[in-house]
Amino acid sequence: MNSKNKIKLFLVDDDALFLKTLEIEFLLHGDFAIETYPTGELCIEHLSHSPDVIILDYHLDGINKDAMNGIETLDRIKAYNPDIPIVMLSSQDKIDVAIECMHHRAFDYVVKSETAFMRLQKIITTIFKYRKMEKELSWYMERA
């Protein structure tokens, strides 16, 4: 698959080890063009690179305590382009955190764990199935 057909994936996490592990997993198990960012600010600066999906950490304050958190970053990304699917990641397994993310228009929420990568793969597959269905429906509606 050439680079034009690869899924452009932004990974945003202040945990350098987790970020690198996630990047390696995606590179080994899929055809992705990946950009990694340790802060929400850097992610937002590069939105012009047109990511297909963003995986975004909930906290983002490990490097700089004054950095934007994941919810602020999510809101800024959605203001820039509401159609970019964003999957929130957190080490917190709390329903209120997941609900907050969904209220801010995250596509999904994943708890950081040993199964997080498998869940993320399934979610990305679902995103692209959903997009395909939307295109097909739109095509049919235009002809009705």
Protein backbone atom coordinates (compact mmCIF):
# COMPACT_ATOMS: atom_id res chain seq x y z
CA MET A 1 0.00 0.00 0.00
CA ASN A 2 1.42 3.39 -0.91
CA SER A 3 1.47 6.29 1.53
CA LYS A 4 -1.67 7.79 -0.05
CA ASN A 5 -3.69 4.74 1.01
CA LYS A 6 -2.31 4.51 4.52
CA ILE A 7 -4.43 5.59 7.45
CA LYS A 8 -2.92 8.76 8.88
CA LEU A 9 -2.89 8.29 12.62
CA PHE A 10 -1.95 10.86 15.25
CA LEU A 11 -0.90 9.42 18.62
CA VAL A 12 -0.88 12.00 21.42
CA ASP A 13 0.41 11.02 24.85
CA ASP A 14 2.83 12.54 27.37
CA ASP A 15 3.97 9.06 28.48
CA ALA A 16 6.93 8.56 26.12
CA LEU A 17 7.20 4.83 26.74
CA PHE A 18 3.50 4.17 26.16
CA LEU A 19 3.53 6.43 23.08
CA LYS A 20 6.47 4.56 21.52
CA THR A 21 4.96 1.17 22.37
CA LEU A 22 1.68 2.15 20.75
CA GLU A 23 3.47 3.48 17.67
CA ILE A 24 5.43 0.23 17.28
CA GLU A 25 2.27 -1.88 17.69
CA PHE A 26 0.47 0.07 14.97
CA LEU A 27 3.45 -0.09 12.61
CA LEU A 28 3.82 -3.85 13.12
CA HIS A 29 0.13 -4.69 12.78
CA GLY A 30 -1.24 -2.33 10.16
CA ASP A 31 -0.57 0.03 7.33
CA PHE A 32 -0.45 3.40 9.04
CA ALA A 33 1.30 6.71 8.55
CA ILE A 34 1.88 7.74 12.15
CA GLU A 35 2.72 11.06 13.73
CA THR A 36 3.36 11.16 17.48
CA TYR A 37 3.05 14.16 19.77
CA PRO A 38 3.79 14.48 23.50
CA THR A 39 1.42 17.44 23.95
CA GLY A 40 -1.98 18.58 22.76
CA GLU A 41 -0.48 21.87 21.64
CA LEU A 42 1.86 20.09 19.21
CA CYS A 43 -0.99 17.96 17.89
CA ILE A 44 -3.09 21.05 17.20
CA GLU A 45 -0.16 22.76 15.45
CA HIS A 46 -0.04 19.84 12.98
CA LEU A 47 -3.76 19.35 12.25
CA SER A 48 -3.11 20.67 8.75
CA HIS A 49 -1.49 17.25 8.10
CA SER A 50 -5.07 15.93 7.96
CA PRO A 51 -5.14 12.94 10.31
CA ASP A 52 -7.74 10.25 9.65
CA VAL A 53 -7.90 9.30 13.34
CA ILE A 54 -6.44 10.76 16.53
CA ILE A 55 -5.73 8.71 19.64
CA LEU A 56 -5.51 11.19 22.49
CA ASP A 57 -4.51 10.82 26.13
CA TYR A 58 -6.93 12.23 28.71
CA HIS A 59 -4.38 13.90 31.01
CA LEU A 60 -1.37 15.18 29.00
CA ASP A 61 0.26 16.93 31.97
CA GLY A 62 3.31 14.71 32.54
CA ILE A 63 5.75 16.96 30.69
CA ASN A 64 4.31 20.36 31.54
CA LYS A 65 1.79 20.82 34.35
CA ASP A 66 0.38 23.87 32.49
CA ALA A 67 -0.15 21.96 29.23
CA MET A 68 -3.62 21.55 27.76
CA ASN A 69 -5.32 18.43 29.01
CA GLY A 70 -6.95 15.90 26.71
CA ILE A 71 -10.44 17.40 26.97
CA GLU A 72 -9.19 20.88 26.04
CA THR A 73 -7.26 19.34 23.15
CA LEU A 74 -10.31 17.35 22.07
CA ASP A 75 -12.45 20.52 22.05
CA ARG A 76 -9.85 22.43 20.00
CA ILE A 77 -9.57 19.61 17.45
CA LYS A 78 -13.36 19.41 17.12
CA ALA A 79 -13.50 23.20 16.62
CA TYR A 80 -10.90 22.84 13.85
CA ASN A 81 -12.62 19.85 12.20
CA PRO A 82 -15.59 18.15 13.85
CA ASP A 83 -15.29 15.15 11.51
CA ILE A 84 -11.93 13.88 12.79
CA PRO A 85 -12.64 10.79 14.91
CA ILE A 86 -10.86 10.98 18.26
CA VAL A 87 -10.39 8.04 20.59
CA MET A 88 -9.57 9.03 24.15
CA LEU A 89 -7.11 7.01 26.22
CA SER A 90 -6.73 7.08 29.97
CA SER A 91 -5.28 5.03 32.77
CA GLN A 92 -8.47 5.85 34.70
CA ASP A 93 -11.11 3.16 34.56
CA LYS A 94 -13.89 5.48 35.68
CA ILE A 95 -17.26 5.75 34.00
CA ASP A 96 -17.51 9.50 34.69
CA VAL A 97 -14.26 10.11 32.77
CA ALA A 98 -15.57 8.08 29.82
CA ILE A 99 -18.88 9.97 29.90
CA GLU A 100 -17.07 13.31 29.98
CA CYS A 101 -15.06 12.32 26.90
CA MET A 102 -18.19 11.26 25.05
CA HIS A 103 -19.94 14.54 25.96
CA HIS A 104 -17.03 16.33 24.31
CA ARG A 105 -17.65 14.31 21.11
CA ALA A 106 -14.94 11.66 21.39
CA PHE A 107 -15.66 8.68 19.16
CA ASP A 108 -14.74 6.24 21.92
CA TYR A 109 -12.84 5.81 25.19
CA VAL A 110 -10.21 3.17 25.94
CA VAL A 111 -8.55 2.39 29.28
CA LYS A 112 -4.79 1.93 29.05
CA SER A 113 -4.19 -1.75 29.66
CA GLU A 114 -2.62 -4.81 28.08
CA THR A 115 -5.65 -5.07 25.75
CA ALA A 116 -5.76 -1.38 24.77
CA PHE A 117 -4.05 -1.90 21.42
CA MET A 118 -6.52 -4.62 20.36
CA ARG A 119 -9.45 -2.38 21.32
CA LEU A 120 -7.94 0.52 19.38
CA GLN A 121 -7.54 -1.67 16.29
CA LYS A 122 -11.20 -2.69 16.48
CA ILE A 123 -12.33 0.91 16.98
CA ILE A 124 -10.34 2.12 13.96
CA THR A 125 -11.87 -0.67 11.85
CA THR A 126 -15.32 0.42 13.05
CA ILE A 127 -14.58 4.06 12.16
CA PHE A 128 -13.76 3.13 8.58
CA LYS A 129 -16.75 0.78 8.22
CA TYR A 130 -18.96 3.61 9.46
CA ARG A 131 -17.41 6.06 6.97
CA LYS A 132 -17.93 3.59 4.12
CA MET A 133 -21.58 3.17 5.07
CA GLU A 134 -22.03 6.96 5.21
CA LYS A 135 -20.57 7.33 1.70
CA GLU A 136 -22.78 4.55 0.32
CA LEU A 137 -25.87 6.01 1.96
CA SER A 138 -25.02 9.46 0.62
CA TRP A 139 -24.56 8.00 -2.87
CA TYR A 140 -27.98 6.33 -2.73
CA MET A 141 -29.68 9.42 -1.31
CA GLU A 142 -28.30 11.59 -4.13
CA ARG A 143 -29.93 9.26 -6.67
CA ALA A 144 -33.32 9.06 -4.95
